[in-house]
C-alpha atoms as a PDB file:
ATOM      1  CA  MET A   1     107.805 114.826  69.903  1.00  0.00           C
ATOM      2  CA  THR A   2     106.507 111.772  68.047  1.00  0.00           C
ATOM      3  CA  ILE A   3     109.115 109.181  67.086  1.00  0.00           C
ATOM      4  CA  PRO A   4     108.584 108.016  63.470  1.00  0.00           C
ATOM      5  CA  ALA A   5     106.790 104.678  63.559  1.00  0.00           C
ATOM      6  CA  LEU A   6     108.081 101.514  61.914  1.00  0.00           C
ATOM      7  CA  PRO A   7     106.401 100.482  58.642  1.00  0.00           C
ATOM      8  CA  GLY A   8     103.164  98.694  59.509  1.00  0.00           C
ATOM      9  CA  ILE A   9     102.542 100.756  62.660  1.00  0.00           C
ATOM     10  CA  THR A  10      99.806 103.404  62.669  1.00  0.00           C
ATOM     11  CA  VAL A  11      99.943 106.305  65.167  1.00  0.00           C
ATOM     12  CA  GLN A  12      96.776 108.164  66.116  1.00  0.00           C
ATOM     13  CA  THR A  13      95.374 110.322  68.899  1.00  0.00           C
ATOM     14  CA  VAL A  14      92.257 108.979  70.593  1.00  0.00           C
ATOM     15  CA  GLU A  15      89.998 111.335  72.550  1.00  0.00           C
ATOM     16  CA  THR A  16      88.426 109.479  75.476  1.00  0.00           C
ATOM     17  CA  PRO A  17      86.086 110.895  78.154  1.00  0.00           C
ATOM     18  CA  ARG A  18      89.060 110.923  80.563  1.00  0.00           C
ATOM     19  CA  ILE A  19      92.146 111.853  78.551  1.00  0.00           C
ATOM     20  CA  ARG A  20      93.695 112.326  75.115  1.00  0.00           C
ATOM     21  CA  ILE A  21      95.825 109.245  74.368  1.00  0.00           C
ATOM     22  CA  CYS A  22      98.482 108.620  71.719  1.00  0.00           C
ATOM     23  CA  VAL A  23      98.001 105.092  70.381  1.00  0.00           C
ATOM     24  CA  ARG A  24     100.108 102.876  68.128  1.00  0.00           C
ATOM     25  CA  SER A  25      98.403 100.000  66.380  1.00  0.00           C
ATOM     26  CA  SER A  26      98.969  97.292  63.794  1.00  0.00           C
ATOM     27  CA  GLY A  27      97.010  94.424  62.288  1.00  0.00           C
ATOM     28  CA  PRO A  28      93.403  94.225  61.069  1.00  0.00           C
ATOM     29  CA  VAL A  29      90.782  96.431  62.723  1.00  0.00           C
ATOM     30  CA  ASP A  30      88.582  93.363  63.233  1.00  0.00           C
ATOM     31  CA  GLY A  31      91.438  91.257  64.617  1.00  0.00           C
ATOM     32  CA  THR A  32      91.632  89.871  68.136  1.00  0.00           C
ATOM     33  CA  PRO A  33      92.722  92.852  70.291  1.00  0.00           C
ATOM     34  CA  VAL A  34      95.979  92.667  72.240  1.00  0.00           C
ATOM     35  CA  ILE A  35      96.829  95.704  74.399  1.00  0.00           C
ATOM     36  CA  PHE A  36     100.512  96.320  75.120  1.00  0.00           C
ATOM     37  CA  VAL A  37     101.191  98.541  78.160  1.00  0.00           C
ATOM     38  CA  HIS A  38     104.704  99.942  78.536  1.00  0.00           C
ATOM     39  CA  GLY A  39     106.780 100.460  81.662  1.00  0.00           C
ATOM     40  CA  ASN A  40     108.282 103.448  83.452  1.00  0.00           C
ATOM     41  CA  VAL A  41     110.450 105.941  81.542  1.00  0.00           C
ATOM     42  CA  SER A  42     109.196 104.603  78.215  1.00  0.00           C
ATOM     43  CA  SER A  43     106.298 104.845  75.752  1.00  0.00           C
ATOM     44  CA  GLY A  44     104.326 102.702  73.324  1.00  0.00           C
ATOM     45  CA  VAL A  45     107.311 102.844  70.944  1.00  0.00           C
ATOM     46  CA  PHE A  46     108.873 100.127  73.107  1.00  0.00           C
ATOM     47  CA  TRP A  47     106.410  97.549  71.719  1.00  0.00           C
ATOM     48  CA  GLU A  48     106.536  98.233  67.973  1.00  0.00           C
ATOM     49  CA  GLU A  49     108.765  95.314  66.957  1.00  0.00           C
ATOM     50  CA  THR A  50     106.740  92.917  69.120  1.00  0.00           C
ATOM     51  CA  MET A  51     103.475  94.201  67.642  1.00  0.00           C
ATOM     52  CA  LEU A  52     104.684  93.556  64.104  1.00  0.00           C
ATOM     53  CA  ALA A  53     105.719  90.012  65.057  1.00  0.00           C
ATOM     54  CA  LEU A  54     102.147  88.980  65.974  1.00  0.00           C
ATOM     55  CA  PRO A  55     100.196  86.659  63.674  1.00  0.00           C
ATOM     56  CA  ALA A  56      98.007  88.451  61.138  1.00  0.00           C
ATOM     57  CA  THR A  57      94.807  87.584  63.019  1.00  0.00           C
ATOM     58  CA  TYR A  58      95.648  89.906  65.929  1.00  0.00           C
ATOM     59  CA  ARG A  59      95.131  93.647  66.312  1.00  0.00           C
ATOM     60  CA  ALA A  60      97.969  95.094  68.407  1.00  0.00           C
ATOM     61  CA  ILE A  61      97.415  98.335  70.311  1.00  0.00           C
ATOM     62  CA  ALA A  62     100.065 100.155  72.368  1.00  0.00           C
ATOM     63  CA  PRO A  63      99.035 103.387  74.107  1.00  0.00           C
ATOM     64  CA  ASP A  64     101.376 105.935  75.624  1.00  0.00           C
ATOM     65  CA  LEU A  65     100.400 106.122  79.283  1.00  0.00           C
ATOM     66  CA  ARG A  66      99.289 109.348  80.936  1.00  0.00           C
ATOM     67  CA  GLY A  67     102.334 111.586  81.308  1.00  0.00           C
ATOM     68  CA  TYR A  68     104.473 109.521  78.922  1.00  0.00           C
ATOM     69  CA  GLY A  69     105.292 109.868  75.251  1.00  0.00           C
ATOM     70  CA  ASP A  70     102.692 111.949  73.413  1.00  0.00           C
ATOM     71  CA  THR A  71      99.690 111.259  75.657  1.00  0.00           C
ATOM     72  CA  GLU A  72      98.226 114.124  77.657  1.00  0.00           C
ATOM     73  CA  ALA A  73     100.126 114.761  80.902  1.00  0.00           C
ATOM     74  CA  LEU A  74      97.229 115.057  83.338  1.00  0.00           C
ATOM     75  CA  GLN A  75      97.595 114.804  87.097  1.00  0.00           C
ATOM     76  CA  ILE A  76      97.894 111.476  88.890  1.00  0.00           C
ATOM     77  CA  ASP A  77      96.398 110.754  92.302  1.00  0.00           C
ATOM     78  CA  ALA A  78      99.077 108.461  93.727  1.00  0.00           C
ATOM     79  CA  THR A  79      96.855 107.494  96.673  1.00  0.00           C
ATOM     80  CA  ARG A  80      94.844 105.428  94.140  1.00  0.00           C
ATOM     81  CA  GLY A  81      97.853 103.267  93.342  1.00  0.00           C
ATOM     82  CA  LEU A  82      97.841 102.640  89.578  1.00  0.00           C
ATOM     83  CA  ARG A  83      94.085 103.110  89.146  1.00  0.00           C
ATOM     84  CA  ASP A  84      94.329 106.420  87.269  1.00  0.00           C
ATOM     85  CA  TRP A  85      96.304 104.620  84.572  1.00  0.00           C
ATOM     86  CA  SER A  86      94.100 101.520  84.578  1.00  0.00           C
ATOM     87  CA  ASP A  87      90.991 103.735  84.379  1.00  0.00           C
ATOM     88  CA  ASP A  88      92.581 105.510  81.392  1.00  0.00           C
ATOM     89  CA  LEU A  89      93.085 102.100  79.812  1.00  0.00           C
ATOM     90  CA  ARG A  90      89.445 101.264  80.432  1.00  0.00           C
ATOM     91  CA  ALA A  91      88.370 104.534  78.786  1.00  0.00           C
ATOM     92  CA  LEU A  92      90.527 103.744  75.731  1.00  0.00           C
ATOM     93  CA  ILE A  93      89.161 100.218  75.394  1.00  0.00           C
ATOM     94  CA  GLU A  94      85.576 101.449  75.666  1.00  0.00           C
ATOM     95  CA  THR A  95      86.163 104.330  73.230  1.00  0.00           C
ATOM     96  CA  LEU A  96      87.608 101.928  70.651  1.00  0.00           C
ATOM     97  CA  GLY A  97      84.816  99.408  71.311  1.00  0.00           C
ATOM     98  CA  LEU A  98      87.257  96.556  71.874  1.00  0.00           C
ATOM     99  CA  GLY A  99      85.305  94.537  74.432  1.00  0.00           C
ATOM    100  CA  ARG A 100      87.262  91.577  75.840  1.00  0.00           C
ATOM    101  CA  VAL A 101      91.019  91.970  75.318  1.00  0.00           C
ATOM    102  CA  HIS A 102      94.357  90.254  75.843  1.00  0.00           C
ATOM    103  CA  LEU A 103      96.667  92.364  78.036  1.00  0.00           C
ATOM    104  CA  VAL A 104     100.468  92.493  77.968  1.00  0.00           C
ATOM    105  CA  GLY A 105     102.271  94.563  80.608  1.00  0.00           C
ATOM    106  CA  TRP A 106     105.918  95.293  81.281  1.00  0.00           C
ATOM    107  CA  SER A 107     107.155  96.719  84.628  1.00  0.00           C
ATOM    108  CA  LEU A 108     104.796  99.608  85.532  1.00  0.00           C
ATOM    109  CA  GLY A 109     102.513  98.384  82.748  1.00  0.00           C
ATOM    110  CA  GLY A 110     102.350  94.982  84.428  1.00  0.00           C
ATOM    111  CA  GLY A 111     100.920  96.547  87.572  1.00  0.00           C
ATOM    112  CA  ILE A 112      98.438  98.550  85.493  1.00  0.00           C
ATOM    113  CA  VAL A 113      97.058  95.514  83.642  1.00  0.00           C
ATOM    114  CA  MET A 114      96.761  93.607  86.921  1.00  0.00           C
ATOM    115  CA  GLN A 115      94.728  96.471  88.383  1.00  0.00           C
ATOM    116  CA  TYR A 116      92.591  96.467  85.239  1.00  0.00           C
ATOM    117  CA  ALA A 117      91.965  92.736  85.691  1.00  0.00           C
ATOM    118  CA  ILE A 118      91.042  93.244  89.355  1.00  0.00           C
ATOM    119  CA  ASP A 119      88.457  95.861  88.360  1.00  0.00           C
ATOM    120  CA  HIS A 120      87.193  94.231  85.129  1.00  0.00           C
ATOM    121  CA  PRO A 121      87.884  90.464  85.316  1.00  0.00           C
ATOM    122  CA  ALA A 122      85.160  89.492  82.830  1.00  0.00           C
ATOM    123  CA  ASP A 123      86.691  91.719  80.140  1.00  0.00           C
ATOM    124  CA  VAL A 124      90.178  90.179  80.218  1.00  0.00           C
ATOM    125  CA  ALA A 125      90.924  87.246  77.905  1.00  0.00           C
ATOM    126  CA  SER A 126      94.487  86.780  79.200  1.00  0.00           C
ATOM    127  CA  ILE A 127      97.367  88.588  80.895  1.00  0.00           C
ATOM    128  CA  THR A 128     101.046  88.324  79.993  1.00  0.00           C
ATOM    129  CA  LEU A 129     103.457  89.956  82.461  1.00  0.00           C
ATOM    130  CA  SER A 130     107.119  90.923  82.106  1.00  0.00           C
ATOM    131  CA  ALA A 131     108.886  92.019  85.320  1.00  0.00           C
ATOM    132  CA  PRO A 132     105.679  93.525  86.792  1.00  0.00           C
ATOM    133  CA  MET A 133     105.348  95.788  89.805  1.00  0.00           C
ATOM    134  CA  SER A 134     102.524  95.784  92.341  1.00  0.00           C
ATOM    135  CA  PRO A 135      99.098  96.885  91.057  1.00  0.00           C
ATOM    136  CA  TYR A 136      98.852  99.057  94.176  1.00  0.00           C
ATOM    137  CA  GLY A 137     101.402 101.562  92.897  1.00  0.00           C
ATOM    138  CA  PHE A 138     104.617 103.071  94.193  1.00  0.00           C
ATOM    139  CA  GLY A 139     103.358 103.645  97.730  1.00  0.00           C
ATOM    140  CA  ALA A 140     104.380 101.131 100.373  1.00  0.00           C
ATOM    141  CA  THR A 141     101.737  98.486 101.194  1.00  0.00           C
ATOM    142  CA  LYS A 142     101.705  95.768 103.821  1.00  0.00           C
ATOM    143  CA  ASP A 143      99.319  92.982 102.756  1.00  0.00           C
ATOM    144  CA  PRO A 144      97.779  91.263  99.686  1.00  0.00           C
ATOM    145  CA  ALA A 145      94.845  93.708  99.761  1.00  0.00           C
ATOM    146  CA  GLY A 146      97.179  96.672  99.182  1.00  0.00           C
ATOM    147  CA  THR A 147      96.635  98.351 102.550  1.00  0.00           C
ATOM    148  CA  PRO A 148      98.967 101.394 102.756  1.00  0.00           C
ATOM    149  CA  THR A 149     101.817 101.180 105.251  1.00  0.00           C
ATOM    150  CA  ASN A 150     101.438 104.917 105.883  1.00  0.00           C
ATOM    151  CA  PRO A 151      98.179 106.908 106.016  1.00  0.00           C
ATOM    152  CA  ASP A 152      99.324 109.232 103.201  1.00  0.00           C
ATOM    153  CA  PHE A 153     100.467 106.312 101.001  1.00  0.00           C
ATOM    154  CA  ALA A 154     104.097 107.485 101.058  1.00  0.00           C
ATOM    155  CA  GLY A 155     106.603 105.350  99.193  1.00  0.00           C
ATOM    156  CA  SER A 156     109.099 102.886 100.591  1.00  0.00           C
ATOM    157  CA  GLY A 157     112.235 104.898  99.797  1.00  0.00           C
ATOM    158  CA  GLY A 158     113.446 103.563  96.419  1.00  0.00           C
ATOM    159  CA  GLY A 159     113.321 106.888  94.613  1.00  0.00           C
ATOM    160  CA  ALA A 160     116.927 108.063  94.405  1.00  0.00           C
ATOM    161  CA  ALA A 161     118.812 108.821  91.177  1.00  0.00           C
ATOM    162  CA  ASN A 162     122.357 109.756  90.235  1.00  0.00           C
ATOM    163  CA  PRO A 163     122.569 113.585  90.355  1.00  0.00           C
ATOM    164  CA  GLU A 164     124.736 113.802  87.200  1.00  0.00           C
ATOM    165  CA  PHE A 165     122.132 111.780  85.299  1.00  0.00           C
ATOM    166  CA  VAL A 166     119.381 114.161  86.448  1.00  0.00           C
ATOM    167  CA  GLN A 167     121.427 117.218  85.482  1.00  0.00           C
ATOM    168  CA  ARG A 168     122.163 115.816  82.026  1.00  0.00           C
ATOM    169  CA  LEU A 169     118.471 115.079  81.513  1.00  0.00           C
ATOM    170  CA  ALA A 170     117.610 118.666  82.421  1.00  0.00           C
ATOM    171  CA  GLN A 171     120.224 119.952  79.954  1.00  0.00           C
ATOM    172  CA  GLY A 172     118.841 117.841  77.095  1.00  0.00           C
ATOM    173  CA  ASP A 173     122.092 115.886  76.757  1.00  0.00           C
ATOM    174  CA  ARG A 174     122.012 113.361  73.887  1.00  0.00           C
ATOM    175  CA  GLY A 175     125.713 112.487  73.890  1.00  0.00           C
ATOM    176  CA  THR A 176     127.601 109.379  74.961  1.00  0.00           C
ATOM    177  CA  ASP A 177     130.626 110.890  76.701  1.00  0.00           C
ATOM    178  CA  SER A 178     129.594 109.778  80.197  1.00  0.00           C
ATOM    179  CA  PRO A 179     128.132 106.549  81.658  1.00  0.00           C
ATOM    180  CA  ASN A 180     125.458 108.834  83.148  1.00  0.00           C
ATOM    181  CA  SER A 181     124.396 110.317  79.809  1.00  0.00           C
ATOM    182  CA  PRO A 182     120.676 109.629  79.243  1.00  0.00           C
ATOM    183  CA  ARG A 183     121.408 107.721  76.034  1.00  0.00           C
ATOM    184  CA  ASN A 184     123.888 105.409  77.788  1.00  0.00           C
ATOM    185  CA  VAL A 185     121.532 104.874  80.739  1.00  0.00           C
ATOM    186  CA  MET A 186     118.656 104.077  78.368  1.00  0.00           C
ATOM    187  CA  ILE A 187     120.750 101.496  76.510  1.00  0.00           C
ATOM    188  CA  ALA A 188     122.235  99.939  79.660  1.00  0.00           C
ATOM    189  CA  PHE A 189     119.120  99.735  81.842  1.00  0.00           C
ATOM    190  CA  TYR A 190     115.980 100.031  79.688  1.00  0.00           C
ATOM    191  CA  PHE A 191     116.228  99.079  76.020  1.00  0.00           C
ATOM    192  CA  ARG A 192     118.437  99.397  72.967  1.00  0.00           C
ATOM    193  CA  ALA A 193     116.764 101.135  70.040  1.00  0.00           C
ATOM    194  CA  ALA A 194     117.756 100.680  66.416  1.00  0.00           C
ATOM    195  CA  PRO A 195     120.452 103.243  65.491  1.00  0.00           C
ATOM    196  CA  GLU A 196     118.101 105.309  63.324  1.00  0.00           C
ATOM    197  CA  ARG A 197     115.559 105.530  66.183  1.00  0.00           C
ATOM    198  CA  GLU A 198     117.937 105.897  69.106  1.00  0.00           C
ATOM    199  CA  ALA A 199     117.981 109.710  69.217  1.00  0.00           C
ATOM    200  CA  GLY A 200     114.184 109.907  69.166  1.00  0.00           C
ATOM    201  CA  SER A 201     113.912 107.277  71.879  1.00  0.00           C
ATOM    202  CA  THR A 202     116.266 109.334  74.039  1.00  0.00           C
ATOM    203  CA  ILE A 203     113.971 112.345  73.617  1.00  0.00           C
ATOM    204  CA  HIS A 204     110.995 110.267  74.795  1.00  0.00           C
ATOM    205  CA  PHE A 205     113.136 108.937  77.657  1.00  0.00           C
ATOM    206  CA  ARG A 206     113.840 112.514  78.806  1.00  0.00           C
ATOM    207  CA  HIS A 207     110.230 113.651  78.286  1.00  0.00           C
ATOM    208  CA  CYS A 208     108.850 110.810  80.387  1.00  0.00           C
ATOM    209  CA  TYR A 209     111.286 111.375  83.249  1.00  0.00           C
ATOM    210  CA  PHE A 210     110.505 115.071  83.596  1.00  0.00           C
ATOM    211  CA  THR A 211     106.726 114.899  83.233  1.00  0.00           C
ATOM    212  CA  GLU A 212     105.362 116.268  86.489  1.00  0.00           C
ATOM    213  CA  LEU A 213     102.251 114.775  88.036  1.00  0.00           C
ATOM    214  CA  GLN A 214     100.490 115.530  91.293  1.00  0.00           C
ATOM    215  CA  TYR A 215     100.375 113.498  94.469  1.00  0.00           C
ATOM    216  CA  HIS A 216      97.031 114.389  96.078  1.00  0.00           C
ATOM    217  CA  GLN A 217      96.259 114.164  99.763  1.00  0.00           C
ATOM    218  CA  PRO A 218      93.783 117.002 100.338  1.00  0.00           C
ATOM    219  CA  ALA A 219      93.285 116.184 104.019  1.00  0.00           C
ATOM    220  CA  HIS A 220      96.518 117.990 104.830  1.00  0.00           C
ATOM    221  CA  PRO A 221      98.054 120.776 102.696  1.00  0.00           C
ATOM    222  CA  ARG A 222     101.615 119.688 103.452  1.00  0.00           C
ATOM    223  CA  ARG A 223     100.861 116.291 101.917  1.00  0.00           C
ATOM    224  CA  ARG A 224      99.983 117.720  98.508  1.00  0.00           C
ATOM    225  CA  ARG A 225     103.331 116.960  96.906  1.00  0.00           C
ATOM    226  CA  THR A 226     104.747 116.939  93.413  1.00  0.00           C
ATOM    227  CA  LEU A 227     105.409 113.404  92.142  1.00  0.00           C
ATOM    228  CA  SER A 228     107.751 112.914  89.208  1.00  0.00           C
ATOM    229  CA  LEU A 229     107.587 109.690  87.250  1.00  0.00           C
ATOM    230  CA  ALA A 230     111.018 108.849  88.631  1.00  0.00           C
ATOM    231  CA  GLN A 231     109.636 109.076  92.179  1.00  0.00           C
ATOM    232  CA  ASP A 232     112.008 111.732  93.456  1.00  0.00           C
ATOM    233  CA  CYS A 233     112.686 112.454  97.101  1.00  0.00           C
ATOM    234  CA  HIS A 234     110.259 115.416  97.205  1.00  0.00           C
ATOM    235  CA  SER A 235     107.316 113.173  96.329  1.00  0.00           C
ATOM    236  CA  LEU A 236     108.287 110.610  98.944  1.00  0.00           C
ATOM    237  CA  ASN A 237     109.097 113.175 101.649  1.00  0.00           C
ATOM    238  CA  LEU A 238     112.344 111.235 102.191  1.00  0.00           C
ATOM    239  CA  ARG A 239     115.998 112.152 102.142  1.00  0.00           C
ATOM    240  CA  CYS A 240     117.687 111.137  98.898  1.00  0.00           C
ATOM    241  CA  SER A 241     120.252 108.349  99.255  1.00  0.00           C
ATOM    242  CA  SER A 242     122.528 109.703  96.483  1.00  0.00           C
ATOM    243  CA  GLN A 243     125.674 111.245  97.925  1.00  0.00           C
ATOM    244  CA  THR A 244     127.990 113.858  96.441  1.00  0.00           C
ATOM    245  CA  GLY A 245     130.545 114.852  99.023  1.00  0.00           C
ATOM    246  CA  ALA A 246     128.733 115.421 102.289  1.00  0.00           C
ATOM    247  CA  GLU A 247     125.411 116.577 100.794  1.00  0.00           C
ATOM    248  CA  ASP A 248     122.209 114.706 100.054  1.00  0.00           C
ATOM    249  CA  LEU A 249     120.841 115.704  96.641  1.00  0.00           C
ATOM    250  CA  CYS A 250     117.284 115.595  95.374  1.00  0.00           C
ATOM    251  CA  ALA A 251     116.770 113.014  92.622  1.00  0.00           C
ATOM    252  CA  ARG A 252     114.547 115.455  90.688  1.00  0.00           C
ATOM    253  CA  CYS A 253     116.229 118.849  90.922  1.00  0.00           C
ATOM    254  CA  ALA A 254     119.744 117.828  92.051  1.00  0.00           C
ATOM    255  CA  GLU A 255     119.656 120.496  94.767  1.00  0.00           C
ATOM    256  CA  PRO A 256     120.855 119.851  98.354  1.00  0.00           C
ATOM    257  CA  LEU A 257     118.128 118.699 100.707  1.00  0.00           C
ATOM    258  CA  GLN A 258     117.325 120.157 104.072  1.00  0.00           C
ATOM    259  CA  ALA A 259     117.933 117.956 107.078  1.00  0.00           C
END
């Protein structure tokens, strides 16, 4: 579901050789390109107010990342760190013919733009980072080169979520009766949308969380795991740290885990 854009923001779908991407843009087509890359559990909508605040000489572009918002939800190979997303970004930039660009990344988006700069340093005019993560992805690494801690690039264990929150997401809850309602969590931990856009932002919030991607490790069939964008316990092959009574619950499906 597309959230209505603010006046001055154009929303379009761009077909690249890799993926179909939903893109928000503002400013002159021949302006200096600035690419805004959003974080986890979000979409390009996050950047609209910032895009409109740029001087008139800049062209602002904010894509929805793979599996988020209205961009195609193709599989992700988590053993590549964030490279699937940075390669998608490269495909978008080449398809639009943007050349050298300024990059702005928040959280997950910060790691993606850093990976893009590692791979294409000559095509980056500048990078602005807000609370970035590692460019090597969610898997645990042990040195500046991004060497995996584990052969299958398993995560470091930070993938738990409150089971009530997960259940309310699955039910499509848009209320405010509980601190664990998706709308309250979005406002408290991610961003506060304008009142007229809050309901739509909550829908995107839910859509992003439940988009299922694939963790590929073809060398061993047991290591081909489902990876949700919230990094649930199934994807990490770890026990969830959330407790309800005496049971461990999965962060994705809220079902008890096996010992």
